[in-house]
N, C-alpha and C. Protein backbone atom coordinates (compact mmCIF):
# COMPACT_ATOMS: atom_id res chain seq x y z
N UNK A 1 288.46 71.74 101.29
CA UNK A 1 289.12 72.94 101.75
C UNK A 1 290.60 72.63 102.00
N UNK A 2 291.48 73.38 101.39
CA UNK A 2 292.91 73.19 101.59
C UNK A 2 293.32 73.87 102.90
N UNK A 3 294.13 73.18 103.67
CA UNK A 3 294.59 73.68 104.96
C UNK A 3 296.08 74.00 104.88
N UNK A 4 296.43 75.18 105.33
CA UNK A 4 297.82 75.61 105.25
C UNK A 4 298.49 75.77 106.61
N UNK A 5 297.69 75.90 107.65
CA UNK A 5 298.24 76.11 108.99
C UNK A 5 297.49 75.24 110.00
N UNK A 6 298.07 75.00 111.16
CA UNK A 6 297.34 74.27 112.20
C UNK A 6 296.02 74.97 112.57
N UNK A 7 296.01 76.30 112.53
CA UNK A 7 294.80 77.04 112.86
C UNK A 7 293.69 76.73 111.86
N UNK A 8 294.05 76.45 110.61
CA UNK A 8 293.05 76.05 109.62
C UNK A 8 292.39 74.73 110.01
N UNK A 9 293.17 73.82 110.57
CA UNK A 9 292.62 72.54 111.03
C UNK A 9 291.62 72.78 112.15
N UNK A 10 292.00 73.60 113.12
CA UNK A 10 291.10 73.90 114.23
C UNK A 10 289.80 74.53 113.76
N UNK A 11 289.90 75.46 112.83
CA UNK A 11 288.71 76.13 112.30
C UNK A 11 287.81 75.13 111.56
N UNK A 12 288.40 74.23 110.79
CA UNK A 12 287.63 73.23 110.07
C UNK A 12 286.91 72.29 111.05
N UNK A 13 287.60 71.88 112.10
CA UNK A 13 286.97 71.02 113.10
C UNK A 13 285.80 71.74 113.76
N UNK A 14 286.00 73.01 114.12
CA UNK A 14 284.93 73.80 114.73
C UNK A 14 283.75 73.93 113.78
N UNK A 15 284.01 74.25 112.52
CA UNK A 15 282.93 74.41 111.54
C UNK A 15 282.17 73.11 111.33
N UNK A 16 282.88 71.98 111.28
CA UNK A 16 282.22 70.68 111.10
C UNK A 16 281.36 70.34 112.31
N UNK A 17 281.86 70.65 113.50
CA UNK A 17 281.08 70.40 114.72
C UNK A 17 279.83 71.26 114.73
N UNK A 18 279.97 72.53 114.40
CA UNK A 18 278.82 73.43 114.40
C UNK A 18 277.82 73.06 113.31
N UNK A 19 278.29 72.52 112.19
CA UNK A 19 277.39 72.08 111.12
C UNK A 19 276.46 70.97 111.61
N UNK A 20 276.91 70.22 112.61
CA UNK A 20 276.08 69.17 113.20
C UNK A 20 275.27 69.71 114.38
N UNK A 21 275.43 71.00 114.67
CA UNK A 21 274.75 71.65 115.80
C UNK A 21 275.12 71.02 117.13
N UNK A 22 276.36 70.58 117.25
CA UNK A 22 276.85 69.99 118.49
C UNK A 22 277.67 71.01 119.25
N UNK A 23 277.55 70.98 120.56
CA UNK A 23 278.45 71.76 121.40
C UNK A 23 279.75 70.99 121.55
N UNK A 24 280.75 71.66 122.07
CA UNK A 24 282.01 70.96 122.35
C UNK A 24 281.76 69.83 123.34
N UNK A 25 280.90 70.07 124.33
CA UNK A 25 280.60 69.05 125.33
C UNK A 25 279.93 67.83 124.70
N UNK A 26 279.02 68.05 123.75
CA UNK A 26 278.35 66.93 123.08
C UNK A 26 279.34 66.10 122.27
N UNK A 27 280.21 66.76 121.53
CA UNK A 27 281.22 66.03 120.76
C UNK A 27 282.14 65.27 121.69
N UNK A 28 282.56 65.91 122.75
CA UNK A 28 283.45 65.25 123.71
C UNK A 28 282.80 64.00 124.29
N UNK A 29 281.54 64.09 124.64
CA UNK A 29 280.82 62.95 125.21
C UNK A 29 280.77 61.79 124.21
N UNK A 30 280.51 62.09 122.96
CA UNK A 30 280.45 61.05 121.93
C UNK A 30 281.81 60.38 121.71
N UNK A 31 282.88 61.15 121.97
CA UNK A 31 284.24 60.64 121.77
C UNK A 31 284.84 60.03 123.04
N UNK A 32 284.15 60.19 124.17
CA UNK A 32 284.72 59.72 125.43
C UNK A 32 285.86 60.61 125.91
N UNK A 33 285.76 61.89 125.60
CA UNK A 33 286.77 62.87 125.97
C UNK A 33 286.15 63.91 126.90
N UNK A 34 286.98 64.84 127.31
CA UNK A 34 286.51 65.99 128.07
C UNK A 34 286.29 67.15 127.11
N UNK A 35 285.39 68.06 127.48
CA UNK A 35 285.11 69.24 126.67
C UNK A 35 286.38 70.05 126.45
N UNK A 36 287.22 70.13 127.46
CA UNK A 36 288.46 70.91 127.33
C UNK A 36 289.38 70.34 126.24
N UNK A 37 289.30 69.02 126.02
CA UNK A 37 290.10 68.39 124.96
C UNK A 37 289.62 68.81 123.57
N UNK A 38 288.30 68.90 123.41
CA UNK A 38 287.74 69.36 122.13
C UNK A 38 288.09 70.83 121.92
N UNK A 39 287.98 71.62 122.97
CA UNK A 39 288.35 73.02 122.89
C UNK A 39 289.81 73.18 122.47
N UNK A 40 290.67 72.38 123.07
CA UNK A 40 292.10 72.43 122.74
C UNK A 40 292.33 72.04 121.28
N UNK A 41 291.60 71.04 120.80
CA UNK A 41 291.74 70.62 119.40
C UNK A 41 291.37 71.75 118.45
N UNK A 42 290.37 72.53 118.82
CA UNK A 42 289.91 73.62 117.96
C UNK A 42 290.78 74.88 118.09
N UNK A 43 291.32 75.12 119.27
CA UNK A 43 292.06 76.37 119.50
C UNK A 43 293.58 76.21 119.50
N UNK A 44 294.05 74.99 119.74
CA UNK A 44 295.49 74.71 119.73
C UNK A 44 295.77 73.44 118.93
N UNK A 45 295.35 73.40 117.67
CA UNK A 45 295.48 72.17 116.89
C UNK A 45 296.92 71.73 116.65
N UNK A 46 297.87 72.63 116.82
CA UNK A 46 299.27 72.25 116.64
C UNK A 46 299.72 71.25 117.69
N UNK A 47 298.95 71.12 118.77
CA UNK A 47 299.28 70.18 119.84
C UNK A 47 298.49 68.88 119.74
N UNK A 48 297.71 68.74 118.68
CA UNK A 48 296.84 67.57 118.50
C UNK A 48 297.62 66.30 118.18
N UNK A 49 297.26 65.24 118.85
CA UNK A 49 297.76 63.91 118.57
C UNK A 49 297.06 63.42 117.29
N UNK A 50 297.77 62.78 116.40
CA UNK A 50 297.18 62.32 115.14
C UNK A 50 296.01 61.37 115.39
N UNK A 51 296.13 60.48 116.36
CA UNK A 51 295.04 59.54 116.66
C UNK A 51 293.79 60.29 117.11
N UNK A 52 293.95 61.34 117.90
CA UNK A 52 292.81 62.14 118.34
C UNK A 52 292.21 62.88 117.15
N UNK A 53 293.05 63.45 116.31
CA UNK A 53 292.56 64.13 115.11
C UNK A 53 291.73 63.19 114.25
N UNK A 54 292.21 61.98 114.03
CA UNK A 54 291.48 61.02 113.21
C UNK A 54 290.16 60.62 113.86
N UNK A 55 290.14 60.48 115.18
CA UNK A 55 288.90 60.15 115.90
C UNK A 55 287.87 61.26 115.76
N UNK A 56 288.33 62.49 115.93
CA UNK A 56 287.42 63.63 115.80
C UNK A 56 286.89 63.71 114.37
N UNK A 57 287.76 63.57 113.40
CA UNK A 57 287.34 63.61 111.99
C UNK A 57 286.30 62.53 111.70
N UNK A 58 286.53 61.33 112.18
CA UNK A 58 285.58 60.24 111.94
C UNK A 58 284.22 60.55 112.56
N UNK A 59 284.21 61.07 113.78
CA UNK A 59 282.95 61.38 114.46
C UNK A 59 282.20 62.50 113.74
N UNK A 60 282.93 63.43 113.17
CA UNK A 60 282.31 64.57 112.48
C UNK A 60 282.06 64.30 111.00
N UNK A 61 282.35 63.08 110.53
CA UNK A 61 282.20 62.73 109.12
C UNK A 61 283.06 63.65 108.24
N UNK A 62 284.27 63.91 108.70
CA UNK A 62 285.22 64.75 107.97
C UNK A 62 286.22 63.84 107.29
N UNK A 63 286.44 64.07 106.01
CA UNK A 63 287.43 63.30 105.26
C UNK A 63 288.73 64.08 105.30
N UNK A 64 289.78 63.41 105.68
CA UNK A 64 291.11 64.01 105.77
C UNK A 64 292.00 63.34 104.73
N UNK A 65 292.60 64.14 103.86
CA UNK A 65 293.50 63.55 102.86
C UNK A 65 294.79 64.36 102.81
N UNK A 66 295.88 63.64 102.61
CA UNK A 66 297.20 64.26 102.54
C UNK A 66 297.84 63.83 101.24
N UNK A 67 298.43 64.75 100.55
CA UNK A 67 299.10 64.43 99.30
C UNK A 67 300.24 65.40 99.06
N UNK A 68 300.79 65.33 97.87
CA UNK A 68 301.86 66.26 97.51
C UNK A 68 301.33 67.28 96.52
N UNK A 69 301.96 68.42 96.50
CA UNK A 69 301.57 69.49 95.59
C UNK A 69 302.40 69.41 94.31
N UNK A 70 301.82 68.87 93.28
CA UNK A 70 302.50 68.79 91.99
C UNK A 70 303.86 68.14 92.07
N UNK A 71 304.85 68.81 91.53
CA UNK A 71 306.21 68.28 91.50
C UNK A 71 307.03 68.70 92.70
N UNK A 72 306.43 69.41 93.64
CA UNK A 72 307.18 69.87 94.80
C UNK A 72 307.19 68.79 95.87
N UNK A 73 308.00 68.97 96.86
CA UNK A 73 308.05 68.02 97.97
C UNK A 73 307.20 68.50 99.14
N UNK A 74 306.44 69.55 98.93
CA UNK A 74 305.60 70.12 99.96
C UNK A 74 304.31 69.30 100.09
N UNK A 75 303.88 69.06 101.32
CA UNK A 75 302.67 68.28 101.56
C UNK A 75 301.43 69.15 101.37
N UNK A 76 300.36 68.51 101.00
CA UNK A 76 299.07 69.15 100.81
C UNK A 76 298.09 68.45 101.74
N UNK A 77 297.37 69.20 102.57
CA UNK A 77 296.41 68.63 103.51
C UNK A 77 295.05 69.23 103.22
N UNK A 78 294.05 68.37 103.05
CA UNK A 78 292.70 68.83 102.79
C UNK A 78 291.73 68.12 103.72
N UNK A 79 290.66 68.83 104.08
CA UNK A 79 289.59 68.26 104.89
C UNK A 79 288.27 68.68 104.27
N UNK A 80 287.33 67.76 104.19
CA UNK A 80 286.00 68.04 103.67
C UNK A 80 284.97 67.43 104.60
N UNK A 81 283.86 68.14 104.75
CA UNK A 81 282.73 67.59 105.52
C UNK A 81 281.45 67.92 104.84
């Protein structure tokens, strides 16, 4: 799935978590975080620390890849689970 906005990242994280049938509290516990931190990652992803994003992706078995779009200098961000 190609992501174009921070909100797309939050939605992908939420969908990946729900695909595992985990609550925000369950994911937070597995990550050693608070539920409010997972909620913030899903609802305010523009404030996400890259290290936290990578930790959440790893726990959810989400692959995150960044590349360029053809000959443009614009970045391309994709996530798959």
